[in-house]
Amino acid sequence: MNDMRMVEREVDTKEVKISARDCQVYYGDNHAIKDVNVDIEDKTVTAFIGPSGCGKSTFLRCLNRMNDTIDICRVEGQIKLDGEDIYDPAVDPVQLRAKVGMVFQKPNPFPKSIYDNIAYGPRIHGLAKNKADLDVIVEKSLRRGAIWDEVKDRLDKPGTGLSGGQQQRLCIARAVATEPEVLLMDEPCSALDPIATAQVEELIDELRGRYSVVIVTHSMQQAARVSQKTAFFHLGNLVEFGETGQIFTNPQDPRTESYITGRIG
């Protein structure tokens, strides 16, 4: 009997990191996201796909309360991180964003040195007692961003002097420097060339060993390559969510099939 229980535990799904229930987003009178229910697992890459304007980036921005910065935006429903409601008034959005890091479409390094790009977050969140601590965090983060070997001899040089692909890996390293639990990526490769894209995709695959990664992508090929779970959004609705292989080879909803086969999009 014990053996059976062991087997059952092994085939159990990964723990849920983020859970959304009846999530609605309004921009003024525009109902942009409608009734989204989804469980995002830990140590998994989840891809959000769908046509432009379908709501995938809007929903992604709900997960670290980035929509709070838009005056006319209103979020309803419930989004929980590790069982805690992130929209509870007691939750500090700044602390939340340290836990739920974000990488944007266009690489946006700060106009500071490579070192200070990484050190900025740990400094403001009090993660380092002294310069030696900070040095350790900077090296560890740059290694996790798969860029340490390329920049270790020029940490005092501006981050803006790096190539586009290096800048994006620097931004990923900056996002992981505050020891987040979730990494959100909003089309992180759309401004990059194919070689830089391949490097970032390889990095995403490594990062899922440590984080829950959620990526918005306009590229179905990218979603198929990097993710284990895929969510298809259309006109503000979450149409279908499941294992990536199943979504791409055997979608359950005709709208998903139409998008995958190129009939809508």
C-alpha atoms as a PDB file:
ATOM      1  CA  MET A   1       0.000   0.000   0.000  1.00  0.00           C
ATOM      2  CA  ASN A   2       2.822   2.375   0.933  1.00  0.00           C
ATOM      3  CA  ASP A   3       4.417   1.669  -2.437  1.00  0.00           C
ATOM      4  CA  MET A   4       1.187   2.664  -4.172  1.00  0.00           C
ATOM      5  CA  ARG A   5       1.075   5.936  -2.238  1.00  0.00           C
ATOM      6  CA  MET A   6       4.698   6.627  -3.193  1.00  0.00           C
ATOM      7  CA  VAL A   7       3.872   6.099  -6.866  1.00  0.00           C
ATOM      8  CA  GLU A   8       0.812   8.331  -6.588  1.00  0.00           C
ATOM      9  CA  ARG A   9       2.899  11.096  -5.059  1.00  0.00           C
ATOM     10  CA  GLU A  10       5.489  10.817  -7.822  1.00  0.00           C
ATOM     11  CA  VAL A  11       2.935  11.244 -10.604  1.00  0.00           C
ATOM     12  CA  ASP A  12       1.289  14.140  -8.758  1.00  0.00           C
ATOM     13  CA  THR A  13       1.347  17.411 -10.714  1.00  0.00           C
ATOM     14  CA  LYS A  14       3.744  20.157  -9.688  1.00  0.00           C
ATOM     15  CA  GLU A  15       2.527  22.538  -7.026  1.00  0.00           C
ATOM     16  CA  VAL A  16       0.447  25.508  -8.134  1.00  0.00           C
ATOM     17  CA  LYS A  17       2.404  28.766  -7.821  1.00  0.00           C
ATOM     18  CA  ILE A  18      -0.171  31.253  -9.117  1.00  0.00           C
ATOM     19  CA  SER A  19      -3.887  30.711  -9.189  1.00  0.00           C
ATOM     20  CA  ALA A  20      -6.380  33.085 -10.893  1.00  0.00           C
ATOM     21  CA  ARG A  21     -10.129  32.842 -10.367  1.00  0.00           C
ATOM     22  CA  ASP A  22     -12.806  34.842 -12.237  1.00  0.00           C
ATOM     23  CA  CYS A  23     -10.213  37.437 -13.240  1.00  0.00           C
ATOM     24  CA  GLN A  24     -11.630  40.484 -15.078  1.00  0.00           C
ATOM     25  CA  VAL A  25      -9.709  43.509 -16.349  1.00  0.00           C
ATOM     26  CA  TYR A  26     -11.356  46.751 -17.456  1.00  0.00           C
ATOM     27  CA  TYR A  27      -9.750  49.756 -19.129  1.00  0.00           C
ATOM     28  CA  GLY A  28     -12.459  52.315 -18.450  1.00  0.00           C
ATOM     29  CA  ASP A  29     -15.524  50.773 -20.105  1.00  0.00           C
ATOM     30  CA  ASN A  30     -13.513  48.304 -22.176  1.00  0.00           C
ATOM     31  CA  HIS A  31     -13.764  44.777 -20.740  1.00  0.00           C
ATOM     32  CA  ALA A  32     -10.278  43.562 -21.755  1.00  0.00           C
ATOM     33  CA  ILE A  33     -10.035  40.262 -19.815  1.00  0.00           C
ATOM     34  CA  LYS A  34     -13.092  38.123 -19.138  1.00  0.00           C
ATOM     35  CA  ASP A  35     -13.519  35.366 -16.534  1.00  0.00           C
ATOM     36  CA  VAL A  36      -9.969  33.990 -16.632  1.00  0.00           C
ATOM     37  CA  ASN A  37      -9.398  30.924 -14.447  1.00  0.00           C
ATOM     38  CA  VAL A  38      -5.949  29.342 -14.543  1.00  0.00           C
ATOM     39  CA  ASP A  39      -3.407  27.562 -12.322  1.00  0.00           C
ATOM     40  CA  ILE A  40       0.240  28.248 -13.140  1.00  0.00           C
ATOM     41  CA  GLU A  41       2.654  25.622 -11.827  1.00  0.00           C
ATOM     42  CA  ASP A  42       5.990  26.068 -10.135  1.00  0.00           C
ATOM     43  CA  LYS A  43       9.216  25.198 -11.996  1.00  0.00           C
ATOM     44  CA  THR A  44       7.356  25.162 -15.299  1.00  0.00           C
ATOM     45  CA  VAL A  45       7.396  27.427 -18.354  1.00  0.00           C
ATOM     46  CA  THR A  46       3.857  28.529 -19.194  1.00  0.00           C
ATOM     47  CA  ALA A  47       3.362  30.272 -22.553  1.00  0.00           C
ATOM     48  CA  PHE A  48       0.539  32.718 -23.290  1.00  0.00           C
ATOM     49  CA  ILE A  49      -0.247  32.748 -27.020  1.00  0.00           C
ATOM     50  CA  GLY A  50      -2.911  34.399 -29.157  1.00  0.00           C
ATOM     51  CA  PRO A  51      -3.451  37.147 -31.749  1.00  0.00           C
ATOM     52  CA  SER A  52      -2.335  40.747 -31.095  1.00  0.00           C
ATOM     53  CA  GLY A  53      -4.708  42.530 -28.722  1.00  0.00           C
ATOM     54  CA  CYS A  54      -6.169  39.302 -27.326  1.00  0.00           C
ATOM     55  CA  GLY A  55      -5.290  40.149 -23.700  1.00  0.00           C
ATOM     56  CA  LYS A  56      -2.257  37.953 -23.067  1.00  0.00           C
ATOM     57  CA  SER A  57       0.064  40.818 -22.032  1.00  0.00           C
ATOM     58  CA  THR A  58      -2.732  42.494 -20.051  1.00  0.00           C
ATOM     59  CA  PHE A  59      -3.275  39.306 -18.048  1.00  0.00           C
ATOM     60  CA  LEU A  60       0.500  38.836 -17.575  1.00  0.00           C
ATOM     61  CA  ARG A  61       0.682  42.330 -16.072  1.00  0.00           C
ATOM     62  CA  CYS A  62      -2.019  41.355 -13.552  1.00  0.00           C
ATOM     63  CA  LEU A  63       0.354  38.791 -12.048  1.00  0.00           C
ATOM     64  CA  ASN A  64       2.690  41.427 -10.562  1.00  0.00           C
ATOM     65  CA  ARG A  65       0.175  44.293 -10.382  1.00  0.00           C
ATOM     66  CA  MET A  66       1.836  46.270 -13.173  1.00  0.00           C
ATOM     67  CA  ASN A  67      -1.677  47.309 -14.218  1.00  0.00           C
ATOM     68  CA  ASP A  68      -1.823  49.332 -10.973  1.00  0.00           C
ATOM     69  CA  THR A  69       0.271  51.942 -12.775  1.00  0.00           C
ATOM     70  CA  ILE A  70      -2.537  52.579 -15.329  1.00  0.00           C
ATOM     71  CA  ASP A  71      -5.155  54.955 -13.895  1.00  0.00           C
ATOM     72  CA  ILE A  72      -8.125  53.706 -15.922  1.00  0.00           C
ATOM     73  CA  CYS A  73      -7.355  50.022 -15.323  1.00  0.00           C
ATOM     74  CA  ARG A  74      -9.446  47.985 -12.869  1.00  0.00           C
ATOM     75  CA  VAL A  75      -8.777  44.352 -11.938  1.00  0.00           C
ATOM     76  CA  GLU A  76     -11.487  42.158 -10.375  1.00  0.00           C
ATOM     77  CA  GLY A  77     -11.512  38.549  -9.201  1.00  0.00           C
ATOM     78  CA  GLN A  78      -8.768  36.821  -7.306  1.00  0.00           C
ATOM     79  CA  ILE A  79      -5.115  36.130  -8.056  1.00  0.00           C
ATOM     80  CA  LYS A  80      -3.143  34.196  -5.457  1.00  0.00           C
ATOM     81  CA  LEU A  81       0.607  33.631  -5.182  1.00  0.00           C
ATOM     82  CA  ASP A  82       1.356  30.663  -2.910  1.00  0.00           C
ATOM     83  CA  GLY A  83      -2.227  30.895  -1.645  1.00  0.00           C
ATOM     84  CA  GLU A  84      -2.057  34.618  -0.741  1.00  0.00           C
ATOM     85  CA  ASP A  85      -4.221  37.173  -2.536  1.00  0.00           C
ATOM     86  CA  ILE A  86      -1.805  39.577  -4.267  1.00  0.00           C
ATOM     87  CA  TYR A  87      -4.525  42.248  -4.518  1.00  0.00           C
ATOM     88  CA  ASP A  88      -5.095  42.291  -0.755  1.00  0.00           C
ATOM     89  CA  PRO A  89      -4.685  45.933   0.427  1.00  0.00           C
ATOM     90  CA  ALA A  90      -2.024  44.753   2.896  1.00  0.00           C
ATOM     91  CA  VAL A  91       0.231  43.572   0.030  1.00  0.00           C
ATOM     92  CA  ASP A  92       2.976  46.031  -0.933  1.00  0.00           C
ATOM     93  CA  PRO A  93       3.265  46.017  -4.757  1.00  0.00           C
ATOM     94  CA  VAL A  94       7.002  46.839  -4.542  1.00  0.00           C
ATOM     95  CA  GLN A  95       7.645  43.747  -2.409  1.00  0.00           C
ATOM     96  CA  LEU A  96       5.402  41.708  -4.704  1.00  0.00           C
ATOM     97  CA  ARG A  97       7.477  42.756  -7.743  1.00  0.00           C
ATOM     98  CA  ALA A  98      10.637  41.605  -5.986  1.00  0.00           C
ATOM     99  CA  LYS A  99       9.006  38.150  -5.788  1.00  0.00           C
ATOM    100  CA  VAL A 100       7.499  38.291  -9.285  1.00  0.00           C
ATOM    101  CA  GLY A 101      10.212  39.623 -11.582  1.00  0.00           C
ATOM    102  CA  MET A 102       9.509  40.957 -15.068  1.00  0.00           C
ATOM    103  CA  VAL A 103      11.417  41.108 -18.339  1.00  0.00           C
ATOM    104  CA  PHE A 104      10.023  43.343 -21.066  1.00  0.00           C
ATOM    105  CA  GLN A 105       9.791  43.145 -24.829  1.00  0.00           C
ATOM    106  CA  LYS A 106      12.549  45.656 -25.451  1.00  0.00           C
ATOM    107  CA  PRO A 107      15.740  45.270 -23.419  1.00  0.00           C
ATOM    108  CA  ASN A 108      15.728  48.170 -20.943  1.00  0.00           C
ATOM    109  CA  PRO A 109      18.969  48.246 -18.958  1.00  0.00           C
ATOM    110  CA  PHE A 110      19.302  51.190 -16.567  1.00  0.00           C
ATOM    111  CA  PRO A 111      21.727  53.931 -17.727  1.00  0.00           C
ATOM    112  CA  LYS A 112      24.216  52.659 -15.154  1.00  0.00           C
ATOM    113  CA  SER A 113      27.149  50.272 -15.081  1.00  0.00           C
ATOM    114  CA  ILE A 114      26.564  46.545 -15.625  1.00  0.00           C
ATOM    115  CA  TYR A 115      27.354  46.034 -11.916  1.00  0.00           C
ATOM    116  CA  ASP A 116      24.858  48.685 -10.767  1.00  0.00           C
ATOM    117  CA  ASN A 117      22.124  47.306 -13.045  1.00  0.00           C
ATOM    118  CA  ILE A 118      22.246  44.086 -11.029  1.00  0.00           C
ATOM    119  CA  ALA A 119      23.009  45.635  -7.630  1.00  0.00           C
ATOM    120  CA  TYR A 120      20.126  48.133  -7.751  1.00  0.00           C
ATOM    121  CA  GLY A 121      17.323  45.730  -6.714  1.00  0.00           C
ATOM    122  CA  PRO A 122      19.228  43.951  -3.940  1.00  0.00           C
ATOM    123  CA  ARG A 123      20.286  47.365  -2.551  1.00  0.00           C
ATOM    124  CA  ILE A 124      16.758  48.808  -2.340  1.00  0.00           C
ATOM    125  CA  HIS A 125      15.368  45.570  -0.894  1.00  0.00           C
ATOM    126  CA  GLY A 126      18.152  45.306   1.694  1.00  0.00           C
ATOM    127  CA  LEU A 127      19.399  41.918   0.471  1.00  0.00           C
ATOM    128  CA  ALA A 128      23.100  42.730   0.980  1.00  0.00           C
ATOM    129  CA  LYS A 129      24.782  43.795   4.229  1.00  0.00           C
ATOM    130  CA  ASN A 130      27.930  45.063   2.547  1.00  0.00           C
ATOM    131  CA  LYS A 131      29.884  45.328  -0.698  1.00  0.00           C
ATOM    132  CA  ALA A 132      31.167  41.750  -0.420  1.00  0.00           C
ATOM    133  CA  ASP A 133      27.571  40.448  -0.221  1.00  0.00           C
ATOM    134  CA  LEU A 134      26.651  42.584  -3.202  1.00  0.00           C
ATOM    135  CA  ASP A 135      29.591  41.255  -5.216  1.00  0.00           C
ATOM    136  CA  VAL A 136      28.372  37.697  -4.600  1.00  0.00           C
ATOM    137  CA  ILE A 137      24.797  38.551  -5.641  1.00  0.00           C
ATOM    138  CA  VAL A 138      25.979  40.346  -8.802  1.00  0.00           C
ATOM    139  CA  GLU A 139      28.153  37.428  -9.913  1.00  0.00           C
ATOM    140  CA  LYS A 140      25.494  34.817  -9.081  1.00  0.00           C
ATOM    141  CA  SER A 141      22.787  36.772 -10.950  1.00  0.00           C
ATOM    142  CA  LEU A 142      24.958  37.345 -14.024  1.00  0.00           C
ATOM    143  CA  ARG A 143      25.773  33.621 -14.054  1.00  0.00           C
ATOM    144  CA  ARG A 144      22.051  32.796 -13.850  1.00  0.00           C
ATOM    145  CA  GLY A 145      21.516  35.223 -16.715  1.00  0.00           C
ATOM    146  CA  ALA A 146      24.167  33.287 -18.705  1.00  0.00           C
ATOM    147  CA  ILE A 147      26.191  36.442 -19.317  1.00  0.00           C
ATOM    148  CA  TRP A 148      28.892  36.440 -16.595  1.00  0.00           C
ATOM    149  CA  ASP A 149      31.704  35.247 -18.854  1.00  0.00           C
ATOM    150  CA  GLU A 150      30.951  37.978 -21.395  1.00  0.00           C
ATOM    151  CA  VAL A 151      30.876  40.880 -18.917  1.00  0.00           C
ATOM    152  CA  LYS A 152      33.030  39.910 -15.905  1.00  0.00           C
ATOM    153  CA  ASP A 153      35.936  42.085 -17.097  1.00  0.00           C
ATOM    154  CA  ARG A 154      33.801  45.179 -17.740  1.00  0.00           C
ATOM    155  CA  LEU A 155      31.374  45.389 -14.843  1.00  0.00           C
ATOM    156  CA  ASP A 156      32.033  49.129 -14.538  1.00  0.00           C
ATOM    157  CA  LYS A 157      31.019  49.769 -18.173  1.00  0.00           C
ATOM    158  CA  PRO A 158      27.458  50.892 -19.046  1.00  0.00           C
ATOM    159  CA  GLY A 159      24.864  48.170 -19.590  1.00  0.00           C
ATOM    160  CA  THR A 160      23.575  50.159 -22.559  1.00  0.00           C
ATOM    161  CA  GLY A 161      26.852  49.417 -24.389  1.00  0.00           C
ATOM    162  CA  LEU A 162      26.013  45.714 -24.734  1.00  0.00           C
ATOM    163  CA  SER A 163      24.438  44.115 -27.820  1.00  0.00           C
ATOM    164  CA  GLY A 164      20.636  43.639 -27.850  1.00  0.00           C
ATOM    165  CA  GLY A 165      20.818  39.973 -26.882  1.00  0.00           C
ATOM    166  CA  GLN A 166      23.322  40.686 -24.111  1.00  0.00           C
ATOM    167  CA  GLN A 167      21.144  43.529 -22.825  1.00  0.00           C
ATOM    168  CA  GLN A 168      18.160  41.186 -22.606  1.00  0.00           C
ATOM    169  CA  ARG A 169      20.203  38.589 -20.680  1.00  0.00           C
ATOM    170  CA  LEU A 170      21.413  41.427 -18.418  1.00  0.00           C
ATOM    171  CA  CYS A 171      17.753  42.350 -17.794  1.00  0.00           C
ATOM    172  CA  ILE A 172      16.984  38.705 -16.967  1.00  0.00           C
ATOM    173  CA  ALA A 173      19.965  38.682 -14.565  1.00  0.00           C
ATOM    174  CA  ARG A 174      18.646  41.922 -13.037  1.00  0.00           C
ATOM    175  CA  ALA A 175      15.198  40.356 -12.600  1.00  0.00           C
ATOM    176  CA  VAL A 176      16.606  37.304 -10.763  1.00  0.00           C
ATOM    177  CA  ALA A 177      18.890  39.400  -8.498  1.00  0.00           C
ATOM    178  CA  THR A 178      16.091  39.990  -5.968  1.00  0.00           C
ATOM    179  CA  GLU A 179      15.610  36.207  -5.606  1.00  0.00           C
ATOM    180  CA  PRO A 180      12.131  36.127  -7.171  1.00  0.00           C
ATOM    181  CA  GLU A 181       9.937  33.037  -7.268  1.00  0.00           C
ATOM    182  CA  VAL A 182       8.216  33.847 -10.555  1.00  0.00           C
ATOM    183  CA  LEU A 183       9.622  35.370 -13.763  1.00  0.00           C
ATOM    184  CA  LEU A 184       7.255  37.083 -16.181  1.00  0.00           C
ATOM    185  CA  MET A 185       8.513  37.650 -19.722  1.00  0.00           C
ATOM    186  CA  ASP A 186       6.569  39.811 -22.158  1.00  0.00           C
ATOM    187  CA  GLU A 187       7.736  38.821 -25.664  1.00  0.00           C
ATOM    188  CA  PRO A 188      11.379  38.818 -24.479  1.00  0.00           C
ATOM    189  CA  CYS A 189      12.800  37.864 -27.890  1.00  0.00           C
ATOM    190  CA  SER A 190      10.718  39.968 -30.268  1.00  0.00           C
ATOM    191  CA  ALA A 191      13.450  42.631 -30.586  1.00  0.00           C
ATOM    192  CA  LEU A 192      16.288  40.092 -30.938  1.00  0.00           C
ATOM    193  CA  ASP A 193      18.003  38.386 -33.874  1.00  0.00           C
ATOM    194  CA  PRO A 194      17.757  34.570 -34.263  1.00  0.00           C
ATOM    195  CA  ILE A 195      21.088  33.832 -32.523  1.00  0.00           C
ATOM    196  CA  ALA A 196      20.257  36.021 -29.502  1.00  0.00           C
ATOM    197  CA  THR A 197      16.750  34.496 -29.455  1.00  0.00           C
ATOM    198  CA  ALA A 198      18.216  30.981 -29.290  1.00  0.00           C
ATOM    199  CA  GLN A 199      20.466  32.041 -26.374  1.00  0.00           C
ATOM    200  CA  VAL A 200      17.530  33.516 -24.439  1.00  0.00           C
ATOM    201  CA  GLU A 201      15.389  30.418 -25.134  1.00  0.00           C
ATOM    202  CA  GLU A 202      18.175  28.185 -23.823  1.00  0.00           C
ATOM    203  CA  LEU A 203      18.377  30.380 -20.737  1.00  0.00           C
ATOM    204  CA  ILE A 204      14.586  30.163 -20.182  1.00  0.00           C
ATOM    205  CA  ASP A 205      14.884  26.376 -20.237  1.00  0.00           C
ATOM    206  CA  GLU A 206      17.582  26.537 -17.528  1.00  0.00           C
ATOM    207  CA  LEU A 207      15.640  29.030 -15.405  1.00  0.00           C
ATOM    208  CA  ARG A 208      12.591  26.781 -15.059  1.00  0.00           C
ATOM    209  CA  GLY A 209      14.616  24.541 -12.745  1.00  0.00           C
ATOM    210  CA  ARG A 210      14.453  27.364 -10.222  1.00  0.00           C
ATOM    211  CA  TYR A 211      11.431  29.530 -11.044  1.00  0.00           C
ATOM    212  CA  SER A 212       7.911  29.490 -12.371  1.00  0.00           C
ATOM    213  CA  VAL A 213       8.339  31.207 -15.769  1.00  0.00           C
ATOM    214  CA  VAL A 214       5.425  32.779 -17.679  1.00  0.00           C
ATOM    215  CA  ILE A 215       6.176  33.964 -21.201  1.00  0.00           C
ATOM    216  CA  VAL A 216       3.982  35.918 -23.592  1.00  0.00           C
ATOM    217  CA  THR A 217       5.024  35.183 -27.151  1.00  0.00           C
ATOM    218  CA  HIS A 218       3.648  35.935 -30.604  1.00  0.00           C
ATOM    219  CA  SER A 219       5.691  33.014 -31.932  1.00  0.00           C
ATOM    220  CA  MET A 220       3.936  29.648 -31.742  1.00  0.00           C
ATOM    221  CA  GLN A 221       7.242  27.956 -32.607  1.00  0.00           C
ATOM    222  CA  GLN A 222       8.824  29.599 -29.573  1.00  0.00           C
ATOM    223  CA  ALA A 223       5.950  28.511 -27.319  1.00  0.00           C
ATOM    224  CA  ALA A 224       6.333  24.947 -28.615  1.00  0.00           C
ATOM    225  CA  ARG A 225      10.100  25.019 -28.001  1.00  0.00           C
ATOM    226  CA  VAL A 226      10.278  26.520 -24.510  1.00  0.00           C
ATOM    227  CA  SER A 227       7.034  25.794 -22.647  1.00  0.00           C
ATOM    228  CA  GLN A 228       5.472  22.811 -20.921  1.00  0.00           C
ATOM    229  CA  LYS A 229       2.033  24.461 -20.558  1.00  0.00           C
ATOM    230  CA  THR A 230       0.288  26.782 -23.029  1.00  0.00           C
ATOM    231  CA  ALA A 231      -2.672  29.125 -22.627  1.00  0.00           C
ATOM    232  CA  PHE A 232      -4.472  30.378 -25.753  1.00  0.00           C
ATOM    233  CA  PHE A 233      -6.160  33.779 -25.419  1.00  0.00           C
ATOM    234  CA  HIS A 234      -8.675  35.181 -27.903  1.00  0.00           C
ATOM    235  CA  LEU A 235     -10.685  38.405 -27.582  1.00  0.00           C
ATOM    236  CA  GLY A 236      -9.986  38.652 -23.855  1.00  0.00           C
ATOM    237  CA  ASN A 237     -10.992  35.064 -23.105  1.00  0.00           C
ATOM    238  CA  LEU A 238      -8.753  32.218 -22.015  1.00  0.00           C
ATOM    239  CA  VAL A 239     -10.008  29.765 -24.626  1.00  0.00           C
ATOM    240  CA  GLU A 240      -7.858  26.751 -23.801  1.00  0.00           C
ATOM    241  CA  PHE A 241      -5.103  25.797 -21.372  1.00  0.00           C
ATOM    242  CA  GLY A 242      -3.150  22.566 -21.176  1.00  0.00           C
ATOM    243  CA  GLU A 243       0.022  20.641 -21.933  1.00  0.00           C
ATOM    244  CA  THR A 244       1.870  22.386 -24.763  1.00  0.00           C
ATOM    245  CA  GLY A 245       2.082  19.245 -26.902  1.00  0.00           C
ATOM    246  CA  GLN A 246      -1.655  18.655 -26.600  1.00  0.00           C
ATOM    247  CA  ILE A 247      -2.571  22.291 -27.384  1.00  0.00           C
ATOM    248  CA  PHE A 248      -0.496  22.200 -30.570  1.00  0.00           C
ATOM    249  CA  THR A 249      -1.329  18.708 -31.817  1.00  0.00           C
ATOM    250  CA  ASN A 250      -4.815  18.044 -30.469  1.00  0.00           C
ATOM    251  CA  PRO A 251      -6.565  21.284 -29.457  1.00  0.00           C
ATOM    252  CA  GLN A 252     -10.026  20.850 -27.955  1.00  0.00           C
ATOM    253  CA  ASP A 253     -11.513  24.186 -29.063  1.00  0.00           C
ATOM    254  CA  PRO A 254     -12.061  25.051 -32.760  1.00  0.00           C
ATOM    255  CA  ARG A 255     -10.767  28.602 -32.111  1.00  0.00           C
ATOM    256  CA  THR A 256      -7.445  27.178 -30.881  1.00  0.00           C
ATOM    257  CA  GLU A 257      -7.210  24.968 -33.934  1.00  0.00           C
ATOM    258  CA  SER A 258      -7.968  27.928 -36.234  1.00  0.00           C
ATOM    259  CA  TYR A 259      -5.173  29.957 -34.595  1.00  0.00           C
ATOM    260  CA  ILE A 260      -2.625  27.121 -34.627  1.00  0.00           C
ATOM    261  CA  THR A 261      -3.326  26.422 -38.310  1.00  0.00           C
ATOM    262  CA  GLY A 262      -3.124  30.121 -39.209  1.00  0.00           C
ATOM    263  CA  ARG A 263      -6.772  30.772 -40.019  1.00  0.00           C
ATOM    264  CA  ILE A 264      -7.105  33.460 -37.324  1.00  0.00           C
ATOM    265  CA  GLY A 265      -4.366  35.676 -35.956  1.00  0.00           C
END
